[in-house]
Amino acid sequence: MYSLAHLHLLINHTPIIFAALGLLFILVALIRRRDDLTRLSLGFFVAAAVMALPTYLTGDSAAHTVRHMPGVTGAYIHNHEEAATAAAIVVGILGVFALWALWRYRRPAVIPRWVVIITVIGGLMGSTAMARTGLLGGEIRHTEVRADTTTAATTVITDTPPVR
C-alpha cells in the first residue's frame, strides 16, 4: 500500500540531485562566464527548494514507519531529522534567492557577478547540507553507510560459507 513514507522514499533523492546539479552548473558558469548556465543553475536551485518541501513534510511519516524496525534507533532518525531541517532551510533560502534572481534579471540579459558569487556560496552550503542529510537518512536502514560498517562487513564475510 502506498503511503507518505513510500512517497518520502520516492522523492528524497531529488533535492539532493537538483542541488548538486545546480552547484555544478553555477561553478561552470562562474569559470566560463556563461549567463545561460547561471540561469540553468538558478532553475535547479529553485527545483531543489520546491522538492525539499514535500520531502521534508513526508519525513515524519517515514520515521514512524521505520521507528520499530530491527537495527533502527532513535538516534539515527533524530540525526537525520536535524540535518533535514537545516538542509531544507538552507536550500529553501537559496531557492527563494534563485527565483528572485531569475525574476529580477530577466532583463537585462546579464546576471551580475555578485549574484553568481552568492549563488556559488549558497550552492556549496545547500549541496553539502543535502548530501549530509542523505547520508544520515541512509544510515537509518542501510548499514553499509554507517560509520561502524567495517565491523558489520567483517562479520558478514566471516559468517558466510565458502562459494564453490
N, C-alpha and C. Protein backbone atom coordinates (compact mmCIF):
# COMPACT_ATOMS: atom_id res chain seq x y z
N MET A 1 0.85 -1.19 0.00
CA MET A 1 0.00 0.00 0.00
C MET A 1 0.89 1.24 0.00
N TYR A 2 0.53 2.20 -0.80
CA TYR A 2 1.29 3.44 -0.86
C TYR A 2 0.97 4.30 0.35
N SER A 3 1.96 5.02 0.81
CA SER A 3 1.78 5.88 1.98
C SER A 3 2.70 7.08 1.83
N LEU A 4 2.63 7.99 2.81
CA LEU A 4 3.54 9.12 2.81
C LEU A 4 4.99 8.67 3.00
N ALA A 5 5.18 7.57 3.73
CA ALA A 5 6.54 7.02 3.89
C ALA A 5 7.08 6.56 2.53
N HIS A 6 6.22 5.93 1.73
CA HIS A 6 6.62 5.49 0.39
C HIS A 6 6.93 6.71 -0.48
N LEU A 7 6.11 7.72 -0.40
CA LEU A 7 6.36 8.94 -1.16
C LEU A 7 7.70 9.56 -0.75
N HIS A 8 7.99 9.55 0.54
CA HIS A 8 9.27 10.09 1.02
C HIS A 8 10.43 9.35 0.35
N LEU A 9 10.35 8.04 0.30
CA LEU A 9 11.41 7.25 -0.32
C LEU A 9 11.50 7.49 -1.83
N LEU A 10 10.38 7.76 -2.47
CA LEU A 10 10.38 8.01 -3.90
C LEU A 10 11.03 9.35 -4.27
N ILE A 11 10.82 10.36 -3.43
CA ILE A 11 11.27 11.71 -3.82
C ILE A 11 12.48 12.21 -3.06
N ASN A 12 12.99 11.47 -2.08
CA ASN A 12 14.03 12.03 -1.22
C ASN A 12 15.35 12.32 -1.91
N HIS A 13 15.61 11.73 -3.06
CA HIS A 13 16.87 12.00 -3.74
C HIS A 13 16.81 13.24 -4.64
N THR A 14 15.61 13.67 -5.00
CA THR A 14 15.51 14.78 -5.96
C THR A 14 16.11 16.08 -5.46
N PRO A 15 15.86 16.53 -4.21
CA PRO A 15 16.50 17.78 -3.81
C PRO A 15 18.02 17.66 -3.73
N ILE A 16 18.52 16.48 -3.41
CA ILE A 16 19.97 16.27 -3.35
C ILE A 16 20.56 16.39 -4.75
N ILE A 17 19.94 15.72 -5.71
CA ILE A 17 20.44 15.74 -7.09
C ILE A 17 20.31 17.13 -7.70
N PHE A 18 19.16 17.78 -7.50
CA PHE A 18 18.97 19.12 -8.06
C PHE A 18 19.97 20.12 -7.48
N ALA A 19 20.22 20.04 -6.18
CA ALA A 19 21.19 20.95 -5.56
C ALA A 19 22.60 20.69 -6.10
N ALA A 20 22.95 19.42 -6.27
CA ALA A 20 24.27 19.08 -6.81
C ALA A 20 24.42 19.56 -8.25
N LEU A 21 23.38 19.36 -9.06
CA LEU A 21 23.43 19.84 -10.45
C LEU A 21 23.49 21.36 -10.50
N GLY A 22 22.74 22.02 -9.63
CA GLY A 22 22.80 23.48 -9.56
C GLY A 22 24.20 23.96 -9.23
N LEU A 23 24.85 23.29 -8.28
CA LEU A 23 26.23 23.65 -7.91
C LEU A 23 27.17 23.42 -9.08
N LEU A 24 27.04 22.29 -9.74
CA LEU A 24 27.91 22.00 -10.88
C LEU A 24 27.77 23.08 -11.96
N PHE A 25 26.53 23.41 -12.31
CA PHE A 25 26.32 24.39 -13.37
C PHE A 25 26.75 25.80 -12.97
N ILE A 26 26.57 26.17 -11.70
CA ILE A 26 26.98 27.52 -11.31
C ILE A 26 28.51 27.63 -11.28
N LEU A 27 29.18 26.55 -10.93
CA LEU A 27 30.65 26.57 -10.96
C LEU A 27 31.17 26.70 -12.39
N VAL A 28 30.57 25.95 -13.30
CA VAL A 28 30.95 26.06 -14.72
C VAL A 28 30.62 27.46 -15.24
N ALA A 29 29.46 27.97 -14.85
CA ALA A 29 29.06 29.32 -15.28
C ALA A 29 30.03 30.37 -14.75
N LEU A 30 30.50 30.19 -13.53
CA LEU A 30 31.46 31.12 -12.94
C LEU A 30 32.78 31.11 -13.70
N ILE A 31 33.26 29.91 -14.00
CA ILE A 31 34.55 29.77 -14.69
C ILE A 31 34.46 30.26 -16.13
N ARG A 32 33.39 29.89 -16.82
CA ARG A 32 33.25 30.24 -18.25
C ARG A 32 32.51 31.55 -18.50
N ARG A 33 32.01 32.15 -17.43
CA ARG A 33 31.22 33.38 -17.54
C ARG A 33 30.07 33.21 -18.53
N ARG A 34 29.28 32.18 -18.28
CA ARG A 34 28.15 31.85 -19.16
C ARG A 34 26.85 32.15 -18.45
N ASP A 35 26.14 33.14 -18.92
CA ASP A 35 24.88 33.56 -18.33
C ASP A 35 23.80 32.49 -18.46
N ASP A 36 23.80 31.75 -19.57
CA ASP A 36 22.80 30.71 -19.75
C ASP A 36 22.95 29.60 -18.72
N LEU A 37 24.19 29.26 -18.37
CA LEU A 37 24.42 28.24 -17.35
C LEU A 37 24.08 28.76 -15.95
N THR A 38 24.27 30.06 -15.75
CA THR A 38 23.87 30.66 -14.48
C THR A 38 22.36 30.53 -14.31
N ARG A 39 21.63 30.84 -15.35
CA ARG A 39 20.16 30.72 -15.29
C ARG A 39 19.72 29.27 -15.10
N LEU A 40 20.40 28.36 -15.77
CA LEU A 40 20.09 26.94 -15.60
C LEU A 40 20.32 26.51 -14.15
N SER A 41 21.43 26.94 -13.58
CA SER A 41 21.72 26.56 -12.19
C SER A 41 20.70 27.17 -11.24
N LEU A 42 20.30 28.41 -11.48
CA LEU A 42 19.27 29.03 -10.65
C LEU A 42 17.97 28.23 -10.71
N GLY A 43 17.64 27.75 -11.90
CA GLY A 43 16.46 26.90 -12.05
C GLY A 43 16.57 25.61 -11.25
N PHE A 44 17.75 25.01 -11.26
CA PHE A 44 17.95 23.79 -10.46
C PHE A 44 17.81 24.07 -8.97
N PHE A 45 18.29 25.22 -8.51
CA PHE A 45 18.16 25.55 -7.09
C PHE A 45 16.71 25.82 -6.71
N VAL A 46 15.95 26.42 -7.61
CA VAL A 46 14.52 26.59 -7.35
C VAL A 46 13.85 25.22 -7.27
N ALA A 47 14.19 24.32 -8.19
CA ALA A 47 13.62 22.97 -8.19
C ALA A 47 14.01 22.20 -6.92
N ALA A 48 15.25 22.37 -6.47
CA ALA A 48 15.69 21.70 -5.24
C ALA A 48 14.87 22.18 -4.05
N ALA A 49 14.62 23.48 -3.99
CA ALA A 49 13.83 24.03 -2.89
C ALA A 49 12.39 23.54 -2.95
N VAL A 50 11.83 23.51 -4.14
CA VAL A 50 10.44 23.04 -4.30
C VAL A 50 10.34 21.57 -3.88
N MET A 51 11.29 20.74 -4.29
CA MET A 51 11.24 19.31 -3.96
C MET A 51 11.64 19.03 -2.51
N ALA A 52 12.37 19.94 -1.89
CA ALA A 52 12.73 19.75 -0.48
C ALA A 52 11.50 19.83 0.41
N LEU A 53 10.53 20.62 0.02
CA LEU A 53 9.34 20.79 0.86
C LEU A 53 8.53 19.49 1.02
N PRO A 54 8.08 18.84 -0.05
CA PRO A 54 7.35 17.58 0.18
C PRO A 54 8.23 16.48 0.77
N THR A 55 9.50 16.50 0.45
CA THR A 55 10.41 15.51 1.03
C THR A 55 10.46 15.70 2.54
N TYR A 56 10.60 16.93 2.97
CA TYR A 56 10.66 17.24 4.40
C TYR A 56 9.33 16.90 5.08
N LEU A 57 8.24 17.28 4.44
CA LEU A 57 6.92 17.08 5.06
C LEU A 57 6.50 15.61 5.16
N THR A 58 7.06 14.75 4.32
CA THR A 58 6.74 13.33 4.40
C THR A 58 7.71 12.56 5.31
N GLY A 59 8.69 13.25 5.84
CA GLY A 59 9.70 12.60 6.68
C GLY A 59 9.16 12.02 7.97
N ASP A 60 8.23 12.71 8.62
CA ASP A 60 7.67 12.19 9.87
C ASP A 60 6.96 10.86 9.66
N SER A 61 6.23 10.76 8.58
CA SER A 61 5.53 9.51 8.28
C SER A 61 6.53 8.38 8.07
N ALA A 62 7.60 8.67 7.36
CA ALA A 62 8.64 7.66 7.14
C ALA A 62 9.29 7.26 8.47
N ALA A 63 9.52 8.24 9.33
CA ALA A 63 10.13 7.95 10.64
C ALA A 63 9.23 7.04 11.47
N HIS A 64 7.95 7.31 11.48
CA HIS A 64 7.01 6.49 12.25
C HIS A 64 6.93 5.06 11.68
N THR A 65 7.10 4.93 10.38
CA THR A 65 7.04 3.61 9.75
C THR A 65 8.24 2.74 10.13
N VAL A 66 9.43 3.33 10.20
CA VAL A 66 10.64 2.52 10.45
C VAL A 66 11.10 2.51 11.90
N ARG A 67 10.51 3.32 12.74
CA ARG A 67 10.97 3.51 14.11
C ARG A 67 11.18 2.20 14.88
N HIS A 68 10.34 1.23 14.69
CA HIS A 68 10.43 -0.01 15.47
C HIS A 68 11.01 -1.18 14.70
N MET A 69 11.61 -0.90 13.55
CA MET A 69 12.22 -1.97 12.77
C MET A 69 13.56 -2.35 13.38
N PRO A 70 13.98 -3.60 13.21
CA PRO A 70 15.27 -4.03 13.74
C PRO A 70 16.43 -3.22 13.17
N GLY A 71 17.36 -2.83 14.01
CA GLY A 71 18.54 -2.08 13.59
C GLY A 71 18.33 -0.58 13.50
N VAL A 72 17.10 -0.13 13.65
CA VAL A 72 16.79 1.31 13.58
C VAL A 72 16.75 1.86 14.99
N THR A 73 17.49 2.93 15.21
CA THR A 73 17.47 3.56 16.53
C THR A 73 16.96 4.98 16.41
N GLY A 74 16.48 5.49 17.53
CA GLY A 74 16.01 6.87 17.56
C GLY A 74 17.12 7.86 17.24
N ALA A 75 18.35 7.49 17.56
CA ALA A 75 19.49 8.39 17.29
C ALA A 75 19.68 8.60 15.80
N TYR A 76 19.58 7.53 15.00
CA TYR A 76 19.72 7.68 13.55
C TYR A 76 18.62 8.57 12.98
N ILE A 77 17.39 8.36 13.45
CA ILE A 77 16.26 9.16 12.97
C ILE A 77 16.43 10.61 13.40
N HIS A 78 16.80 10.84 14.65
CA HIS A 78 16.97 12.20 15.16
C HIS A 78 18.05 12.95 14.38
N ASN A 79 19.19 12.30 14.15
CA ASN A 79 20.28 12.95 13.40
C ASN A 79 19.83 13.33 12.00
N HIS A 80 19.08 12.45 11.36
CA HIS A 80 18.58 12.73 10.02
C HIS A 80 17.57 13.88 10.05
N GLU A 81 16.67 13.88 11.03
CA GLU A 81 15.67 14.95 11.14
C GLU A 81 16.33 16.31 11.35
N GLU A 82 17.34 16.37 12.22
CA GLU A 82 18.04 17.63 12.47
C GLU A 82 18.73 18.13 11.20
N ALA A 83 19.40 17.24 10.51
CA ALA A 83 20.08 17.61 9.27
C ALA A 83 19.08 18.04 8.20
N ALA A 84 17.94 17.34 8.14
CA ALA A 84 16.92 17.66 7.14
C ALA A 84 16.34 19.05 7.37
N THR A 85 16.13 19.40 8.63
CA THR A 85 15.60 20.73 8.94
C THR A 85 16.58 21.80 8.46
N ALA A 86 17.84 21.64 8.80
CA ALA A 86 18.85 22.63 8.39
C ALA A 86 18.98 22.70 6.87
N ALA A 87 19.01 21.53 6.22
CA ALA A 87 19.16 21.50 4.76
C ALA A 87 17.95 22.13 4.07
N ALA A 88 16.76 21.85 4.58
CA ALA A 88 15.55 22.43 3.98
C ALA A 88 15.56 23.95 4.10
N ILE A 89 16.02 24.46 5.23
CA ILE A 89 16.10 25.91 5.42
C ILE A 89 17.11 26.52 4.46
N VAL A 90 18.31 25.94 4.40
CA VAL A 90 19.37 26.48 3.53
C VAL A 90 18.94 26.44 2.07
N VAL A 91 18.45 25.29 1.63
CA VAL A 91 18.05 25.16 0.22
C VAL A 91 16.79 25.99 -0.06
N GLY A 92 15.92 26.12 0.92
CA GLY A 92 14.75 26.97 0.75
C GLY A 92 15.13 28.42 0.53
N ILE A 93 16.04 28.92 1.35
CA ILE A 93 16.52 30.31 1.20
C ILE A 93 17.21 30.47 -0.15
N LEU A 94 18.06 29.49 -0.51
CA LEU A 94 18.74 29.54 -1.80
C LEU A 94 17.73 29.53 -2.95
N GLY A 95 16.69 28.71 -2.83
CA GLY A 95 15.67 28.65 -3.87
C GLY A 95 14.92 29.96 -4.03
N VAL A 96 14.60 30.60 -2.92
CA VAL A 96 13.91 31.90 -2.98
C VAL A 96 14.83 32.94 -3.62
N PHE A 97 16.12 32.93 -3.22
CA PHE A 97 17.09 33.86 -3.82
C PHE A 97 17.20 33.60 -5.32
N ALA A 98 17.28 32.33 -5.72
CA ALA A 98 17.40 31.98 -7.14
C ALA A 98 16.17 32.42 -7.93
N LEU A 99 15.00 32.21 -7.35
CA LEU A 99 13.77 32.64 -8.02
C LEU A 99 13.75 34.16 -8.17
N TRP A 100 14.14 34.86 -7.11
CA TRP A 100 14.22 36.31 -7.18
C TRP A 100 15.19 36.75 -8.27
N ALA A 101 16.37 36.12 -8.33
CA ALA A 101 17.38 36.49 -9.32
C ALA A 101 16.88 36.25 -10.74
N LEU A 102 16.21 35.12 -10.94
CA LEU A 102 15.65 34.85 -12.27
C LEU A 102 14.61 35.90 -12.66
N TRP A 103 13.78 36.29 -11.70
CA TRP A 103 12.77 37.30 -11.99
C TRP A 103 13.41 38.68 -12.18
N ARG A 104 14.28 39.06 -11.26
CA ARG A 104 14.87 40.40 -11.28
C ARG A 104 15.73 40.64 -12.52
N TYR A 105 16.47 39.62 -12.94
CA TYR A 105 17.41 39.80 -14.06
C TYR A 105 16.92 39.10 -15.33
N ARG A 106 15.60 39.04 -15.49
CA ARG A 106 15.06 38.53 -16.74
C ARG A 106 15.42 39.48 -17.87
N ARG A 107 15.56 40.77 -17.52
CA ARG A 107 16.09 41.82 -18.40
C ARG A 107 16.83 42.79 -17.49
N PRO A 108 18.02 43.16 -17.69
CA PRO A 108 18.88 42.86 -18.83
C PRO A 108 19.33 41.40 -18.82
N ALA A 109 19.91 41.01 -19.94
CA ALA A 109 20.24 39.60 -20.15
C ALA A 109 21.37 39.10 -19.25
N VAL A 110 22.17 39.99 -18.70
CA VAL A 110 23.34 39.57 -17.93
C VAL A 110 23.04 39.61 -16.43
N ILE A 111 23.31 38.49 -15.77
CA ILE A 111 23.15 38.42 -14.32
C ILE A 111 24.45 38.93 -13.69
N PRO A 112 24.35 39.86 -12.74
CA PRO A 112 25.56 40.43 -12.14
C PRO A 112 26.43 39.38 -11.46
N ARG A 113 27.70 39.65 -11.43
CA ARG A 113 28.70 38.73 -10.84
C ARG A 113 28.42 38.48 -9.36
N TRP A 114 27.94 39.50 -8.63
CA TRP A 114 27.68 39.31 -7.20
C TRP A 114 26.58 38.27 -6.98
N VAL A 115 25.62 38.19 -7.89
CA VAL A 115 24.56 37.18 -7.78
C VAL A 115 25.17 35.79 -7.99
N VAL A 116 26.08 35.68 -8.94
CA VAL A 116 26.74 34.40 -9.20
C VAL A 116 27.55 33.97 -7.98
N ILE A 117 28.29 34.89 -7.38
CA ILE A 117 29.13 34.57 -6.21
C ILE A 117 28.24 34.11 -5.04
N ILE A 118 27.17 34.83 -4.77
CA ILE A 118 26.26 34.44 -3.68
C ILE A 118 25.65 33.07 -3.98
N THR A 119 25.33 32.81 -5.24
CA THR A 119 24.76 31.52 -5.61
C THR A 119 25.79 30.40 -5.44
N VAL A 120 27.04 30.66 -5.76
CA VAL A 120 28.09 29.65 -5.55
C VAL A 120 28.20 29.31 -4.06
N ILE A 121 28.25 30.33 -3.23
CA ILE A 121 28.36 30.11 -1.78
C ILE A 121 27.13 29.37 -1.26
N GLY A 122 25.95 29.83 -1.66
CA GLY A 122 24.72 29.15 -1.25
C GLY A 122 24.64 27.74 -1.80
N GLY A 123 25.11 27.54 -3.02
CA GLY A 123 25.11 26.21 -3.63
C GLY A 123 26.03 25.25 -2.90
N LEU A 124 27.19 25.74 -2.49
CA LEU A 124 28.10 24.89 -1.70
C LEU A 124 27.46 24.50 -0.37
N MET A 125 26.85 25.48 0.28
CA MET A 125 26.19 25.20 1.56
C MET A 125 25.01 24.26 1.38
N GLY A 126 24.18 24.54 0.39
CA GLY A 126 22.98 23.73 0.16
C GLY A 126 23.30 22.31 -0.27
N SER A 127 24.24 22.16 -1.19
CA SER A 127 24.62 20.83 -1.65
C SER A 127 25.24 20.00 -0.54
N THR A 128 26.08 20.64 0.25
CA THR A 128 26.71 19.94 1.38
C THR A 128 25.65 19.52 2.39
N ALA A 129 24.75 20.42 2.71
CA ALA A 129 23.69 20.11 3.68
C ALA A 129 22.79 18.99 3.17
N MET A 130 22.45 19.02 1.89
CA MET A 130 21.61 17.97 1.32
C MET A 130 22.34 16.63 1.28
N ALA A 131 23.61 16.63 0.90
CA ALA A 131 24.38 15.39 0.85
C ALA A 131 24.50 14.78 2.25
N ARG A 132 24.75 15.61 3.23
CA ARG A 132 24.84 15.12 4.62
C ARG A 132 23.51 14.54 5.09
N THR A 133 22.43 15.23 4.76
CA THR A 133 21.10 14.74 5.12
C THR A 133 20.83 13.39 4.48
N GLY A 134 21.19 13.25 3.21
CA GLY A 134 21.01 11.98 2.53
C GLY A 134 21.82 10.86 3.16
N LEU A 135 23.06 11.16 3.53
CA LEU A 135 23.89 10.16 4.19
C LEU A 135 23.29 9.73 5.52
N LEU A 136 22.86 10.70 6.31
CA LEU A 136 22.25 10.37 7.61
C LEU A 136 20.94 9.63 7.44
N GLY A 137 20.19 9.94 6.40
CA GLY A 137 18.97 9.20 6.12
C GLY A 137 19.28 7.77 5.71
N GLY A 138 20.32 7.60 4.93
CA GLY A 138 20.73 6.27 4.53
C GLY A 138 21.15 5.40 5.71
N GLU A 139 21.74 6.02 6.71
CA GLU A 139 22.17 5.26 7.89
C GLU A 139 21.01 4.62 8.64
N ILE A 140 19.82 5.15 8.47
CA ILE A 140 18.67 4.61 9.18
C ILE A 140 18.43 3.15 8.80
N ARG A 141 18.44 2.84 7.52
CA ARG A 141 18.15 1.47 7.08
C ARG A 141 19.28 0.80 6.31
N HIS A 142 20.29 1.54 5.93
CA HIS A 142 21.39 0.97 5.14
C HIS A 142 22.64 0.87 6.00
N THR A 143 22.86 -0.29 6.55
CA THR A 143 24.01 -0.47 7.45
C THR A 143 25.33 -0.27 6.74
N GLU A 144 25.37 -0.43 5.42
CA GLU A 144 26.63 -0.30 4.70
C GLU A 144 27.19 1.12 4.69
N VAL A 145 26.37 2.13 4.99
CA VAL A 145 26.87 3.50 5.03
C VAL A 145 27.12 4.00 6.46
N ARG A 146 26.88 3.16 7.43
CA ARG A 146 27.12 3.56 8.82
C ARG A 146 28.61 3.58 9.12
N ALA A 147 28.99 4.39 10.10
CA ALA A 147 30.39 4.52 10.48
C ALA A 147 30.97 3.19 10.96
N ASP A 148 30.16 2.35 11.58
CA ASP A 148 30.64 1.07 12.10
C ASP A 148 30.52 -0.06 11.07
N THR A 149 30.56 0.29 9.79
CA THR A 149 30.34 -0.69 8.73
C THR A 149 31.46 -1.73 8.64
N THR A 150 32.68 -1.41 9.08
CA THR A 150 33.76 -2.40 9.00
C THR A 150 33.48 -3.61 9.86
N THR A 151 32.94 -3.38 11.04
CA THR A 151 32.60 -4.49 11.92
C THR A 151 31.50 -5.33 11.30
N ALA A 152 30.48 -4.70 10.77
CA ALA A 152 29.37 -5.43 10.15
C ALA A 152 29.86 -6.20 8.92
N ALA A 153 30.69 -5.57 8.10
CA ALA A 153 31.18 -6.22 6.89
C ALA A 153 32.06 -7.42 7.24
N THR A 154 32.90 -7.28 8.25
CA THR A 154 33.77 -8.38 8.66
C THR A 154 32.94 -9.55 9.15
N THR A 155 31.91 -9.26 9.93
CA THR A 155 31.05 -10.31 10.45
C THR A 155 30.35 -11.04 9.31
N VAL A 156 29.83 -10.31 8.36
CA VAL A 156 29.12 -10.92 7.25
C VAL A 156 30.06 -11.80 6.43
N ILE A 157 31.23 -11.28 6.13
CA ILE A 157 32.19 -12.03 5.32
C ILE A 157 32.64 -13.29 6.06
N THR A 158 32.94 -13.17 7.34
CA THR A 158 33.41 -14.30 8.14
C THR A 158 32.33 -15.36 8.28
N ASP A 159 31.08 -14.95 8.40
CA ASP A 159 30.00 -15.89 8.66
C ASP A 159 29.44 -16.56 7.41
N THR A 160 29.86 -16.14 6.24
CA THR A 160 29.29 -16.72 5.03
C THR A 160 30.06 -17.98 4.65
N PRO A 161 29.36 -18.99 4.16
CA PRO A 161 30.05 -20.21 3.76
C PRO A 161 30.83 -19.97 2.47
N PRO A 162 31.88 -20.72 2.25
CA PRO A 162 32.67 -20.54 1.02
C PRO A 162 31.84 -20.88 -0.22
N VAL A 163 32.09 -20.15 -1.29
CA VAL A 163 31.37 -20.37 -2.55
C VAL A 163 32.14 -21.42 -3.34
N ARG A 164 31.44 -22.40 -3.89
CA ARG A 164 32.09 -23.47 -4.68
C ARG A 164 31.72 -23.39 -6.12
